[in-house]
Amino acid sequence: MTAIRPDQWDRAMTVRARASDGPVSVEVSNHGLSRGFDIVELHVNGQSIIPLREGEFATKEEAIAAGLKRGHAAIKADNIPLGY
């Protein structure tokens, strides 16, 4: 078994987080990145929206906020019907 030194924890641990706001849900992760977070899943009313870029956010909170903002922008731009 290989021990993980404290200076390796950030690289060794994968963090995933989910959040939703009304019809928009987002999942972010740092999996496979040396730093930062990606939006890995973005859904509006269950419809998948393709994330635009990779490794662009310094924190998971920034990534979640951006994902929710993009989801709400997709509703306005594409006139996606609200299912509630």
C-alpha atoms as a PDB file:
ATOM      1  CA  MET A   1       0.000   0.000   0.000  1.00  0.00           C
ATOM      2  CA  THR A   2       1.331   3.421  -0.932  1.00  0.00           C
ATOM      3  CA  ALA A   3       1.062   6.148   1.667  1.00  0.00           C
ATOM      4  CA  ILE A   4      -0.174   9.565   0.593  1.00  0.00           C
ATOM      5  CA  ARG A   5       1.847  12.466   1.934  1.00  0.00           C
ATOM      6  CA  PRO A   6      -0.073  15.614   2.945  1.00  0.00           C
ATOM      7  CA  ASP A   7       1.385  17.551  -0.005  1.00  0.00           C
ATOM      8  CA  GLN A   8      -0.196  14.951  -2.350  1.00  0.00           C
ATOM      9  CA  TRP A   9      -3.730  15.019  -0.949  1.00  0.00           C
ATOM     10  CA  ASP A  10      -5.070  17.616  -3.372  1.00  0.00           C
ATOM     11  CA  ARG A  11      -3.848  15.612  -6.360  1.00  0.00           C
ATOM     12  CA  ALA A  12      -4.965  12.253  -5.003  1.00  0.00           C
ATOM     13  CA  MET A  13      -8.492  13.090  -3.878  1.00  0.00           C
ATOM     14  CA  THR A  14     -11.359  13.456  -6.299  1.00  0.00           C
ATOM     15  CA  VAL A  15     -14.069  15.840  -5.191  1.00  0.00           C
ATOM     16  CA  ARG A  16     -17.524  15.814  -6.782  1.00  0.00           C
ATOM     17  CA  ALA A  17     -20.334  18.163  -5.837  1.00  0.00           C
ATOM     18  CA  ARG A  18     -23.919  18.621  -7.018  1.00  0.00           C
ATOM     19  CA  ALA A  19     -26.296  21.537  -6.773  1.00  0.00           C
ATOM     20  CA  SER A  20     -29.638  22.507  -8.241  1.00  0.00           C
ATOM     21  CA  ASP A  21     -31.745  25.620  -8.597  1.00  0.00           C
ATOM     22  CA  GLY A  22     -35.259  25.046  -9.886  1.00  0.00           C
ATOM     23  CA  PRO A  23     -35.040  23.217 -13.230  1.00  0.00           C
ATOM     24  CA  VAL A  24     -31.231  23.498 -13.414  1.00  0.00           C
ATOM     25  CA  SER A  25     -28.858  20.928 -11.919  1.00  0.00           C
ATOM     26  CA  VAL A  26     -25.075  20.884 -12.121  1.00  0.00           C
ATOM     27  CA  GLU A  27     -22.334  18.467 -11.098  1.00  0.00           C
ATOM     28  CA  VAL A  28     -18.689  19.526 -10.803  1.00  0.00           C
ATOM     29  CA  SER A  29     -15.493  17.554 -10.221  1.00  0.00           C
ATOM     30  CA  ASN A  30     -11.734  17.913 -10.019  1.00  0.00           C
ATOM     31  CA  HIS A  31     -11.150  14.358 -11.308  1.00  0.00           C
ATOM     32  CA  GLY A  32      -8.088  14.144 -13.543  1.00  0.00           C
ATOM     33  CA  LEU A  33      -7.110  17.771 -13.038  1.00  0.00           C
ATOM     34  CA  SER A  34      -3.940  19.018 -11.414  1.00  0.00           C
ATOM     35  CA  ARG A  35      -5.933  21.974 -10.083  1.00  0.00           C
ATOM     36  CA  GLY A  36      -9.348  23.543 -10.415  1.00  0.00           C
ATOM     37  CA  PHE A  37     -12.782  22.138 -11.180  1.00  0.00           C
ATOM     38  CA  ASP A  38     -14.806  21.254 -14.265  1.00  0.00           C
ATOM     39  CA  ILE A  39     -18.524  21.255 -14.878  1.00  0.00           C
ATOM     40  CA  VAL A  40     -19.030  17.581 -15.698  1.00  0.00           C
ATOM     41  CA  GLU A  41     -22.830  17.495 -15.966  1.00  0.00           C
ATOM     42  CA  LEU A  42     -25.363  20.238 -16.597  1.00  0.00           C
ATOM     43  CA  HIS A  43     -29.090  19.541 -16.953  1.00  0.00           C
ATOM     44  CA  VAL A  44     -32.143  21.708 -17.540  1.00  0.00           C
ATOM     45  CA  ASN A  45     -35.420  19.873 -16.889  1.00  0.00           C
ATOM     46  CA  GLY A  46     -33.523  16.616 -17.290  1.00  0.00           C
ATOM     47  CA  GLN A  47     -32.156  17.653 -20.697  1.00  0.00           C
ATOM     48  CA  SER A  48     -28.363  17.468 -20.830  1.00  0.00           C
ATOM     49  CA  ILE A  49     -26.480  20.648 -21.741  1.00  0.00           C
ATOM     50  CA  ILE A  50     -22.882  20.175 -22.930  1.00  0.00           C
ATOM     51  CA  PRO A  51     -20.273  21.852 -20.669  1.00  0.00           C
ATOM     52  CA  LEU A  52     -18.186  24.341 -22.646  1.00  0.00           C
ATOM     53  CA  ARG A  53     -14.630  24.242 -21.268  1.00  0.00           C
ATOM     54  CA  GLU A  54     -12.408  22.170 -19.014  1.00  0.00           C
ATOM     55  CA  GLY A  55     -10.476  23.067 -15.861  1.00  0.00           C
ATOM     56  CA  GLU A  56     -11.638  26.622 -15.869  1.00  0.00           C
ATOM     57  CA  PHE A  57     -12.666  27.172 -12.243  1.00  0.00           C
ATOM     58  CA  ALA A  58     -10.387  27.551  -9.230  1.00  0.00           C
ATOM     59  CA  THR A  59     -12.964  26.362  -6.674  1.00  0.00           C
ATOM     60  CA  LYS A  60     -15.958  24.054  -6.672  1.00  0.00           C
ATOM     61  CA  GLU A  61     -18.154  26.960  -5.533  1.00  0.00           C
ATOM     62  CA  GLU A  62     -17.158  28.979  -8.623  1.00  0.00           C
ATOM     63  CA  ALA A  63     -17.841  25.983 -10.869  1.00  0.00           C
ATOM     64  CA  ILE A  64     -21.273  25.367  -9.321  1.00  0.00           C
ATOM     65  CA  ALA A  65     -22.266  29.035  -9.594  1.00  0.00           C
ATOM     66  CA  ALA A  66     -21.160  29.158 -13.241  1.00  0.00           C
ATOM     67  CA  GLY A  67     -23.010  25.928 -14.054  1.00  0.00           C
ATOM     68  CA  LEU A  68     -26.248  27.212 -12.554  1.00  0.00           C
ATOM     69  CA  LYS A  69     -25.824  30.513 -14.406  1.00  0.00           C
ATOM     70  CA  ARG A  70     -25.227  28.683 -17.716  1.00  0.00           C
ATOM     71  CA  GLY A  71     -28.279  26.511 -17.147  1.00  0.00           C
ATOM     72  CA  HIS A  72     -30.540  29.500 -16.522  1.00  0.00           C
ATOM     73  CA  ALA A  73     -29.039  31.257 -19.573  1.00  0.00           C
ATOM     74  CA  ALA A  74     -29.880  28.173 -21.668  1.00  0.00           C
ATOM     75  CA  ILE A  75     -33.497  28.420 -20.547  1.00  0.00           C
ATOM     76  CA  LYS A  76     -33.689  32.034 -21.706  1.00  0.00           C
ATOM     77  CA  ALA A  77     -31.724  31.584 -24.952  1.00  0.00           C
ATOM     78  CA  ASP A  78     -33.301  28.340 -26.149  1.00  0.00           C
ATOM     79  CA  ASN A  79     -36.715  28.890 -24.616  1.00  0.00           C
ATOM     80  CA  ILE A  80     -36.529  25.504 -22.874  1.00  0.00           C
ATOM     81  CA  PRO A  81     -39.976  24.939 -21.343  1.00  0.00           C
ATOM     82  CA  LEU A  82     -40.076  24.831 -17.573  1.00  0.00           C
ATOM     83  CA  GLY A  83     -41.461  21.536 -16.358  1.00  0.00           C
ATOM     84  CA  TYR A  84     -42.955  22.680 -13.078  1.00  0.00           C
END
